[in-house]
Amino acid sequence: MIFRTTPIEELVTLLPDSVSYLMRAGIKCIACGEPVWGTIESAAQEKGIPSDRIEQIVADLNGMLLAAASEGTGCR
């Protein structure tokens, strides 16, 4: 399960497809080469994303994780 407190590095290892999702959600640090330290929440807050949107991002990521696990792809 993915939480607000999940480290970005762990998220990307667990769910590689999360990189493109995070970019679309406005967390572009992964694509532009900034360090990916910190949690989903801290990265989102640095980009000015409000708390309710962070909750939606986490919910979306958990949906992606569930789908990847059921398909047997994109989830390590």
PDB file of N, CA and C in Angstrom:
ATOM      1  N   MET A   1       0.843  -1.180   0.000  1.00  0.00           N
ATOM      2  CA  MET A   1       0.000   0.000   0.000  1.00  0.00           C
ATOM      3  C   MET A   1       0.885   1.239   0.000  1.00  0.00           C
ATOM      4  N   ILE A   2       0.424   2.262  -0.656  1.00  0.00           N
ATOM      5  CA  ILE A   2       1.147   3.526  -0.773  1.00  0.00           C
ATOM      6  C   ILE A   2       0.479   4.545   0.147  1.00  0.00           C
ATOM      7  N   PHE A   3       1.314   5.318   0.835  1.00  0.00           N
ATOM      8  CA  PHE A   3       0.828   6.341   1.766  1.00  0.00           C
ATOM      9  C   PHE A   3       1.463   7.681   1.420  1.00  0.00           C
ATOM     10  N   ARG A   4       0.952   8.735   2.026  1.00  0.00           N
ATOM     11  CA  ARG A   4       1.544  10.065   1.852  1.00  0.00           C
ATOM     12  C   ARG A   4       3.013  10.054   2.264  1.00  0.00           C
ATOM     13  N   THR A   5       3.324   9.207   3.230  1.00  0.00           N
ATOM     14  CA  THR A   5       4.667   9.143   3.799  1.00  0.00           C
ATOM     15  C   THR A   5       5.599   8.165   3.072  1.00  0.00           C
ATOM     16  N   THR A   6       5.115   7.579   1.988  1.00  0.00           N
ATOM     17  CA  THR A   6       5.958   6.669   1.213  1.00  0.00           C
ATOM     18  C   THR A   6       7.074   7.469   0.544  1.00  0.00           C
ATOM     19  N   PRO A   7       8.319   7.051   0.736  1.00  0.00           N
ATOM     20  CA  PRO A   7       9.419   7.742   0.057  1.00  0.00           C
ATOM     21  C   PRO A   7       9.303   7.605  -1.465  1.00  0.00           C
ATOM     22  N   ILE A   8       9.619   8.676  -2.172  1.00  0.00           N
ATOM     23  CA  ILE A   8       9.546   8.676  -3.637  1.00  0.00           C
ATOM     24  C   ILE A   8      10.401   7.544  -4.212  1.00  0.00           C
ATOM     25  N   GLU A   9      11.600   7.380  -3.693  1.00  0.00           N
ATOM     26  CA  GLU A   9      12.498   6.336  -4.199  1.00  0.00           C
ATOM     27  C   GLU A   9      11.847   4.954  -4.075  1.00  0.00           C
ATOM     28  N   GLU A  10      11.192   4.694  -2.955  1.00  0.00           N
ATOM     29  CA  GLU A  10      10.495   3.419  -2.746  1.00  0.00           C
ATOM     30  C   GLU A  10       9.317   3.284  -3.709  1.00  0.00           C
ATOM     31  N   LEU A  11       8.580   4.370  -3.901  1.00  0.00           N
ATOM     32  CA  LEU A  11       7.431   4.364  -4.800  1.00  0.00           C
ATOM     33  C   LEU A  11       7.855   3.997  -6.220  1.00  0.00           C
ATOM     34  N   VAL A  12       8.912   4.621  -6.703  1.00  0.00           N
ATOM     35  CA  VAL A  12       9.366   4.390  -8.071  1.00  0.00           C
ATOM     36  C   VAL A  12       9.866   2.953  -8.250  1.00  0.00           C
ATOM     37  N   THR A  13      10.489   2.414  -7.223  1.00  0.00           N
ATOM     38  CA  THR A  13      10.940   1.025  -7.276  1.00  0.00           C
ATOM     39  C   THR A  13       9.743   0.076  -7.296  1.00  0.00           C
ATOM     40  N   LEU A  14       8.763   0.361  -6.467  1.00  0.00           N
ATOM     41  CA  LEU A  14       7.564  -0.471  -6.355  1.00  0.00           C
ATOM     42  C   LEU A  14       6.676  -0.358  -7.587  1.00  0.00           C
ATOM     43  N   LEU A  15       6.544   0.858  -8.109  1.00  0.00           N
ATOM     44  CA  LEU A  15       5.606   1.131  -9.191  1.00  0.00           C
ATOM     45  C   LEU A  15       6.254   2.065 -10.214  1.00  0.00           C
ATOM     46  N   PRO A  16       7.040   1.528 -11.127  1.00  0.00           N
ATOM     47  CA  PRO A  16       7.746   2.379 -12.094  1.00  0.00           C
ATOM     48  C   PRO A  16       6.837   3.324 -12.884  1.00  0.00           C
ATOM     49  N   ASP A  17       5.607   2.914 -13.148  1.00  0.00           N
ATOM     50  CA  ASP A  17       4.678   3.775 -13.882  1.00  0.00           C
ATOM     51  C   ASP A  17       4.292   5.030 -13.098  1.00  0.00           C
ATOM     52  N   SER A  18       4.647   5.073 -11.827  1.00  0.00           N
ATOM     53  CA  SER A  18       4.311   6.243 -11.020  1.00  0.00           C
ATOM     54  C   SER A  18       5.050   7.490 -11.494  1.00  0.00           C
ATOM     55  N   VAL A  19       6.189   7.325 -12.156  1.00  0.00           N
ATOM     56  CA  VAL A  19       6.968   8.482 -12.612  1.00  0.00           C
ATOM     57  C   VAL A  19       6.138   9.345 -13.549  1.00  0.00           C
ATOM     58  N   SER A  20       5.544   8.745 -14.569  1.00  0.00           N
ATOM     59  CA  SER A  20       4.744   9.539 -15.516  1.00  0.00           C
ATOM     60  C   SER A  20       3.488  10.097 -14.851  1.00  0.00           C
ATOM     61  N   TYR A  21       2.899   9.340 -13.936  1.00  0.00           N
ATOM     62  CA  TYR A  21       1.724   9.848 -13.224  1.00  0.00           C
ATOM     63  C   TYR A  21       2.102  11.078 -12.392  1.00  0.00           C
ATOM     64  N   LEU A  22       3.194  10.991 -11.643  1.00  0.00           N
ATOM     65  CA  LEU A  22       3.613  12.118 -10.810  1.00  0.00           C
ATOM     66  C   LEU A  22       3.911  13.343 -11.658  1.00  0.00           C
ATOM     67  N   MET A  23       4.497  13.141 -12.829  1.00  0.00           N
ATOM     68  CA  MET A  23       4.759  14.264 -13.732  1.00  0.00           C
ATOM     69  C   MET A  23       3.451  14.936 -14.136  1.00  0.00           C
ATOM     70  N   ARG A  24       2.454  14.138 -14.506  1.00  0.00           N
ATOM     71  CA  ARG A  24       1.154  14.698 -14.891  1.00  0.00           C
ATOM     72  C   ARG A  24       0.467  15.385 -13.716  1.00  0.00           C
ATOM     73  N   ALA A  25       0.749  14.910 -12.503  1.00  0.00           N
ATOM     74  CA  ALA A  25       0.130  15.482 -11.302  1.00  0.00           C
ATOM     75  C   ALA A  25       0.833  16.763 -10.845  1.00  0.00           C
ATOM     76  N   GLY A  26       1.933  17.127 -11.517  1.00  0.00           N
ATOM     77  CA  GLY A  26       2.623  18.361 -11.171  1.00  0.00           C
ATOM     78  C   GLY A  26       3.855  18.167 -10.312  1.00  0.00           C
ATOM     79  N   ILE A  27       4.224  16.927 -10.046  1.00  0.00           N
ATOM     80  CA  ILE A  27       5.434  16.633  -9.284  1.00  0.00           C
ATOM     81  C   ILE A  27       6.485  16.222 -10.306  1.00  0.00           C
ATOM     82  N   LYS A  28       7.116  17.214 -10.900  1.00  0.00           N
ATOM     83  CA  LYS A  28       8.007  16.974 -12.032  1.00  0.00           C
ATOM     84  C   LYS A  28       9.456  16.778 -11.630  1.00  0.00           C
ATOM     85  N   CYS A  29       9.742  16.716 -10.348  1.00  0.00           N
ATOM     86  CA  CYS A  29      11.131  16.634  -9.899  1.00  0.00           C
ATOM     87  C   CYS A  29      11.859  15.423 -10.461  1.00  0.00           C
ATOM     88  N   ILE A  30      11.160  14.356 -10.683  1.00  0.00           N
ATOM     89  CA  ILE A  30      11.785  13.139 -11.179  1.00  0.00           C
ATOM     90  C   ILE A  30      12.280  13.354 -12.613  1.00  0.00           C
ATOM     91  N   ALA A  31      11.503  14.022 -13.415  1.00  0.00           N
ATOM     92  CA  ALA A  31      11.844  14.207 -14.826  1.00  0.00           C
ATOM     93  C   ALA A  31      12.931  15.255 -15.039  1.00  0.00           C
ATOM     94  N   CYS A  32      12.965  16.268 -14.193  1.00  0.00           N
ATOM     95  CA  CYS A  32      13.917  17.352 -14.436  1.00  0.00           C
ATOM     96  C   CYS A  32      15.255  17.113 -13.767  1.00  0.00           C
ATOM     97  N   GLY A  33      15.392  16.007 -13.076  1.00  0.00           N
ATOM     98  CA  GLY A  33      16.689  15.646 -12.526  1.00  0.00           C
ATOM     99  C   GLY A  33      16.942  16.101 -11.105  1.00  0.00           C
ATOM    100  N   GLU A  34      15.973  16.762 -10.470  1.00  0.00           N
ATOM    101  CA  GLU A  34      16.128  17.102  -9.063  1.00  0.00           C
ATOM    102  C   GLU A  34      16.185  15.809  -8.254  1.00  0.00           C
ATOM    103  N   PRO A  35      16.806  15.833  -7.097  1.00  0.00           N
ATOM    104  CA  PRO A  35      16.836  14.624  -6.273  1.00  0.00           C
ATOM    105  C   PRO A  35      15.429  14.163  -5.924  1.00  0.00           C
ATOM    106  N   VAL A  36      15.255  12.874  -5.787  1.00  0.00           N
ATOM    107  CA  VAL A  36      13.932  12.321  -5.475  1.00  0.00           C
ATOM    108  C   VAL A  36      13.838  11.929  -4.002  1.00  0.00           C
ATOM    109  N   TRP A  37      14.573  12.616  -3.160  1.00  0.00           N
ATOM    110  CA  TRP A  37      14.509  12.346  -1.734  1.00  0.00           C
ATOM    111  C   TRP A  37      13.180  12.842  -1.194  1.00  0.00           C
ATOM    112  N   GLY A  38      12.774  12.285  -0.102  1.00  0.00           N
ATOM    113  CA  GLY A  38      11.559  12.733   0.551  1.00  0.00           C
ATOM    114  C   GLY A  38      10.379  11.843   0.227  1.00  0.00           C
ATOM    115  N   THR A  39       9.260  12.243   0.744  1.00  0.00           N
ATOM    116  CA  THR A  39       8.032  11.471   0.604  1.00  0.00           C
ATOM    117  C   THR A  39       7.144  12.062  -0.488  1.00  0.00           C
ATOM    118  N   ILE A  40       6.116  11.322  -0.831  1.00  0.00           N
ATOM    119  CA  ILE A  40       5.129  11.837  -1.785  1.00  0.00           C
ATOM    120  C   ILE A  40       4.590  13.172  -1.270  1.00  0.00           C
ATOM    121  N   GLU A  41       4.251  13.195   0.000  1.00  0.00           N
ATOM    122  CA  GLU A  41       3.684  14.401   0.597  1.00  0.00           C
ATOM    123  C   GLU A  41       4.657  15.581   0.542  1.00  0.00           C
ATOM    124  N   SER A  42       5.906  15.370   0.920  1.00  0.00           N
ATOM    125  CA  SER A  42       6.854  16.486   0.930  1.00  0.00           C
ATOM    126  C   SER A  42       7.130  16.990  -0.485  1.00  0.00           C
ATOM    127  N   ALA A  43       7.238  16.076  -1.447  1.00  0.00           N
ATOM    128  CA  ALA A  43       7.460  16.484  -2.833  1.00  0.00           C
ATOM    129  C   ALA A  43       6.273  17.283  -3.357  1.00  0.00           C
ATOM    130  N   ALA A  44       5.073  16.847  -3.029  1.00  0.00           N
ATOM    131  CA  ALA A  44       3.874  17.555  -3.471  1.00  0.00           C
ATOM    132  C   ALA A  44       3.771  18.925  -2.809  1.00  0.00           C
ATOM    133  N   GLN A  45       4.064  18.988  -1.521  1.00  0.00           N
ATOM    134  CA  GLN A  45       4.004  20.268  -0.817  1.00  0.00           C
ATOM    135  C   GLN A  45       5.012  21.262  -1.378  1.00  0.00           C
ATOM    136  N   GLU A  46       6.205  20.776  -1.749  1.00  0.00           N
ATOM    137  CA  GLU A  46       7.213  21.657  -2.344  1.00  0.00           C
ATOM    138  C   GLU A  46       6.722  22.267  -3.647  1.00  0.00           C
ATOM    139  N   LYS A  47       5.835  21.580  -4.338  1.00  0.00           N
ATOM    140  CA  LYS A  47       5.279  22.072  -5.597  1.00  0.00           C
ATOM    141  C   LYS A  47       3.976  22.844  -5.379  1.00  0.00           C
ATOM    142  N   GLY A  48       3.580  23.024  -4.102  1.00  0.00           N
ATOM    143  CA  GLY A  48       2.391  23.810  -3.793  1.00  0.00           C
ATOM    144  C   GLY A  48       1.076  23.069  -3.962  1.00  0.00           C
ATOM    145  N   ILE A  49       1.121  21.761  -3.968  1.00  0.00           N
ATOM    146  CA  ILE A  49      -0.096  20.959  -4.147  1.00  0.00           C
ATOM    147  C   ILE A  49      -0.828  20.869  -2.814  1.00  0.00           C
ATOM    148  N   PRO A  50      -2.128  21.193  -2.789  1.00  0.00           N
ATOM    149  CA  PRO A  50      -2.889  21.180  -1.537  1.00  0.00           C
ATOM    150  C   PRO A  50      -3.132  19.761  -1.004  1.00  0.00           C
ATOM    151  N   SER A  51      -3.425  19.698   0.273  1.00  0.00           N
ATOM    152  CA  SER A  51      -3.587  18.425   0.981  1.00  0.00           C
ATOM    153  C   SER A  51      -4.642  17.517   0.363  1.00  0.00           C
ATOM    154  N   ASP A  52      -5.779  18.072  -0.042  1.00  0.00           N
ATOM    155  CA  ASP A  52      -6.828  17.225  -0.614  1.00  0.00           C
ATOM    156  C   ASP A  52      -6.384  16.617  -1.945  1.00  0.00           C
ATOM    157  N   ARG A  53      -5.597  17.352  -2.704  1.00  0.00           N
ATOM    158  CA  ARG A  53      -5.070  16.817  -3.970  1.00  0.00           C
ATOM    159  C   ARG A  53      -4.021  15.732  -3.706  1.00  0.00           C
ATOM    160  N   ILE A  54      -3.237  15.897  -2.643  1.00  0.00           N
ATOM    161  CA  ILE A  54      -2.263  14.867  -2.273  1.00  0.00           C
ATOM    162  C   ILE A  54      -2.984  13.565  -1.945  1.00  0.00           C
ATOM    163  N   GLU A  55      -4.090  13.665  -1.237  1.00  0.00           N
ATOM    164  CA  GLU A  55      -4.892  12.472  -0.925  1.00  0.00           C
ATOM    165  C   GLU A  55      -5.363  11.789  -2.199  1.00  0.00           C
ATOM    166  N   GLN A  56      -5.774  12.573  -3.189  1.00  0.00           N
ATOM    167  CA  GLN A  56      -6.224  12.002  -4.458  1.00  0.00           C
ATOM    168  C   GLN A  56      -5.070  11.342  -5.198  1.00  0.00           C
ATOM    169  N   ILE A  57      -3.913  11.971  -5.158  1.00  0.00           N
ATOM    170  CA  ILE A  57      -2.729  11.392  -5.799  1.00  0.00           C
ATOM    171  C   ILE A  57      -2.409  10.037  -5.178  1.00  0.00           C
ATOM    172  N   VAL A  58      -2.419   9.971  -3.856  1.00  0.00           N
ATOM    173  CA  VAL A  58      -2.141   8.703  -3.161  1.00  0.00           C
ATOM    174  C   VAL A  58      -3.189   7.651  -3.520  1.00  0.00           C
ATOM    175  N   ALA A  59      -4.448   8.049  -3.575  1.00  0.00           N
ATOM    176  CA  ALA A  59      -5.513   7.111  -3.949  1.00  0.00           C
ATOM    177  C   ALA A  59      -5.307   6.609  -5.379  1.00  0.00           C
ATOM    178  N   ASP A  60      -4.956   7.506  -6.286  1.00  0.00           N
ATOM    179  CA  ASP A  60      -4.700   7.114  -7.675  1.00  0.00           C
ATOM    180  C   ASP A  60      -3.527   6.140  -7.764  1.00  0.00           C
ATOM    181  N   LEU A  61      -2.455   6.438  -7.021  1.00  0.00           N
ATOM    182  CA  LEU A  61      -1.288   5.561  -7.026  1.00  0.00           C
ATOM    183  C   LEU A  61      -1.629   4.178  -6.487  1.00  0.00           C
ATOM    184  N   ASN A  62      -2.446   4.120  -5.450  1.00  0.00           N
ATOM    185  CA  ASN A  62      -2.875   2.822  -4.919  1.00  0.00           C
ATOM    186  C   ASN A  62      -3.721   2.066  -5.935  1.00  0.00           C
ATOM    187  N   GLY A  63      -4.529   2.779  -6.692  1.00  0.00           N
ATOM    188  CA  GLY A  63      -5.298   2.150  -7.762  1.00  0.00           C
ATOM    189  C   GLY A  63      -4.383   1.591  -8.841  1.00  0.00           C
ATOM    190  N   MET A  64      -3.355   2.341  -9.178  1.00  0.00           N
ATOM    191  CA  MET A  64      -2.382   1.865 -10.165  1.00  0.00           C
ATOM    192  C   MET A  64      -1.635   0.637  -9.646  1.00  0.00           C
ATOM    193  N   LEU A  65      -1.294   0.651  -8.370  1.00  0.00           N
ATOM    194  CA  LEU A  65      -0.587  -0.475  -7.763  1.00  0.00           C
ATOM    195  C   LEU A  65      -1.449  -1.727  -7.787  1.00  0.00           C
ATOM    196  N   LEU A  66      -2.704  -1.586  -7.451  1.00  0.00           N
ATOM    197  CA  LEU A  66      -3.641  -2.709  -7.463  1.00  0.00           C
ATOM    198  C   LEU A  66      -3.794  -3.258  -8.877  1.00  0.00           C
ATOM    199  N   ALA A  67      -3.942  -2.366  -9.855  1.00  0.00           N
ATOM    200  CA  ALA A  67      -4.087  -2.796 -11.247  1.00  0.00           C
ATOM    201  C   ALA A  67      -2.829  -3.512 -11.734  1.00  0.00           C
ATOM    202  N   ALA A  68      -1.665  -2.970 -11.395  1.00  0.00           N
ATOM    203  CA  ALA A  68      -0.406  -3.582 -11.821  1.00  0.00           C
ATOM    204  C   ALA A  68      -0.237  -4.958 -11.183  1.00  0.00           C
ATOM    205  N   ALA A  69      -0.621  -5.081  -9.928  1.00  0.00           N
ATOM    206  CA  ALA A  69      -0.499  -6.367  -9.231  1.00  0.00           C
ATOM    207  C   ALA A  69      -1.452  -7.403  -9.844  1.00  0.00           C
ATOM    208  N   SER A  70      -2.641  -6.980 -10.215  1.00  0.00           N
ATOM    209  CA  SER A  70      -3.602  -7.923 -10.785  1.00  0.00           C
ATOM    210  C   SER A  70      -3.209  -8.340 -12.207  1.00  0.00           C
ATOM    211  N   GLU A  71      -2.505  -7.432 -12.908  1.00  0.00           N
ATOM    212  CA  GLU A  71      -2.046  -7.752 -14.267  1.00  0.00           C
ATOM    213  C   GLU A  71      -0.707  -8.473 -14.244  1.00  0.00           C
ATOM    214  N   GLY A  72      -0.019  -8.378 -13.116  1.00  0.00           N
ATOM    215  CA  GLY A  72       1.293  -8.993 -13.009  1.00  0.00           C
ATOM    216  C   GLY A  72       2.381  -8.221 -13.714  1.00  0.00           C
ATOM    217  N   THR A  73       2.126  -6.917 -13.972  1.00  0.00           N
ATOM    218  CA  THR A  73       3.126  -6.084 -14.643  1.00  0.00           C
ATOM    219  C   THR A  73       3.292  -4.775 -13.901  1.00  0.00           C
ATOM    220  N   GLY A  74       4.448  -4.150 -14.072  1.00  0.00           N
ATOM    221  CA  GLY A  74       4.676  -2.811 -13.547  1.00  0.00           C
ATOM    222  C   GLY A  74       4.737  -2.725 -12.054  1.00  0.00           C
ATOM    223  N   CYS A  75       4.777  -3.826 -11.373  1.00  0.00           N
ATOM    224  CA  CYS A  75       4.809  -3.837  -9.910  1.00  0.00           C
ATOM    225  C   CYS A  75       5.880  -4.810  -9.475  1.00  0.00           C
ATOM    226  N   ARG A  76       6.777  -4.328  -8.643  1.00  0.00           N
ATOM    227  CA  ARG A  76       7.867  -5.193  -8.187  1.00  0.00           C
ATOM    228  C   ARG A  76       7.724  -5.526  -6.736  1.00  0.00           C
TER     229      ARG A  76
END
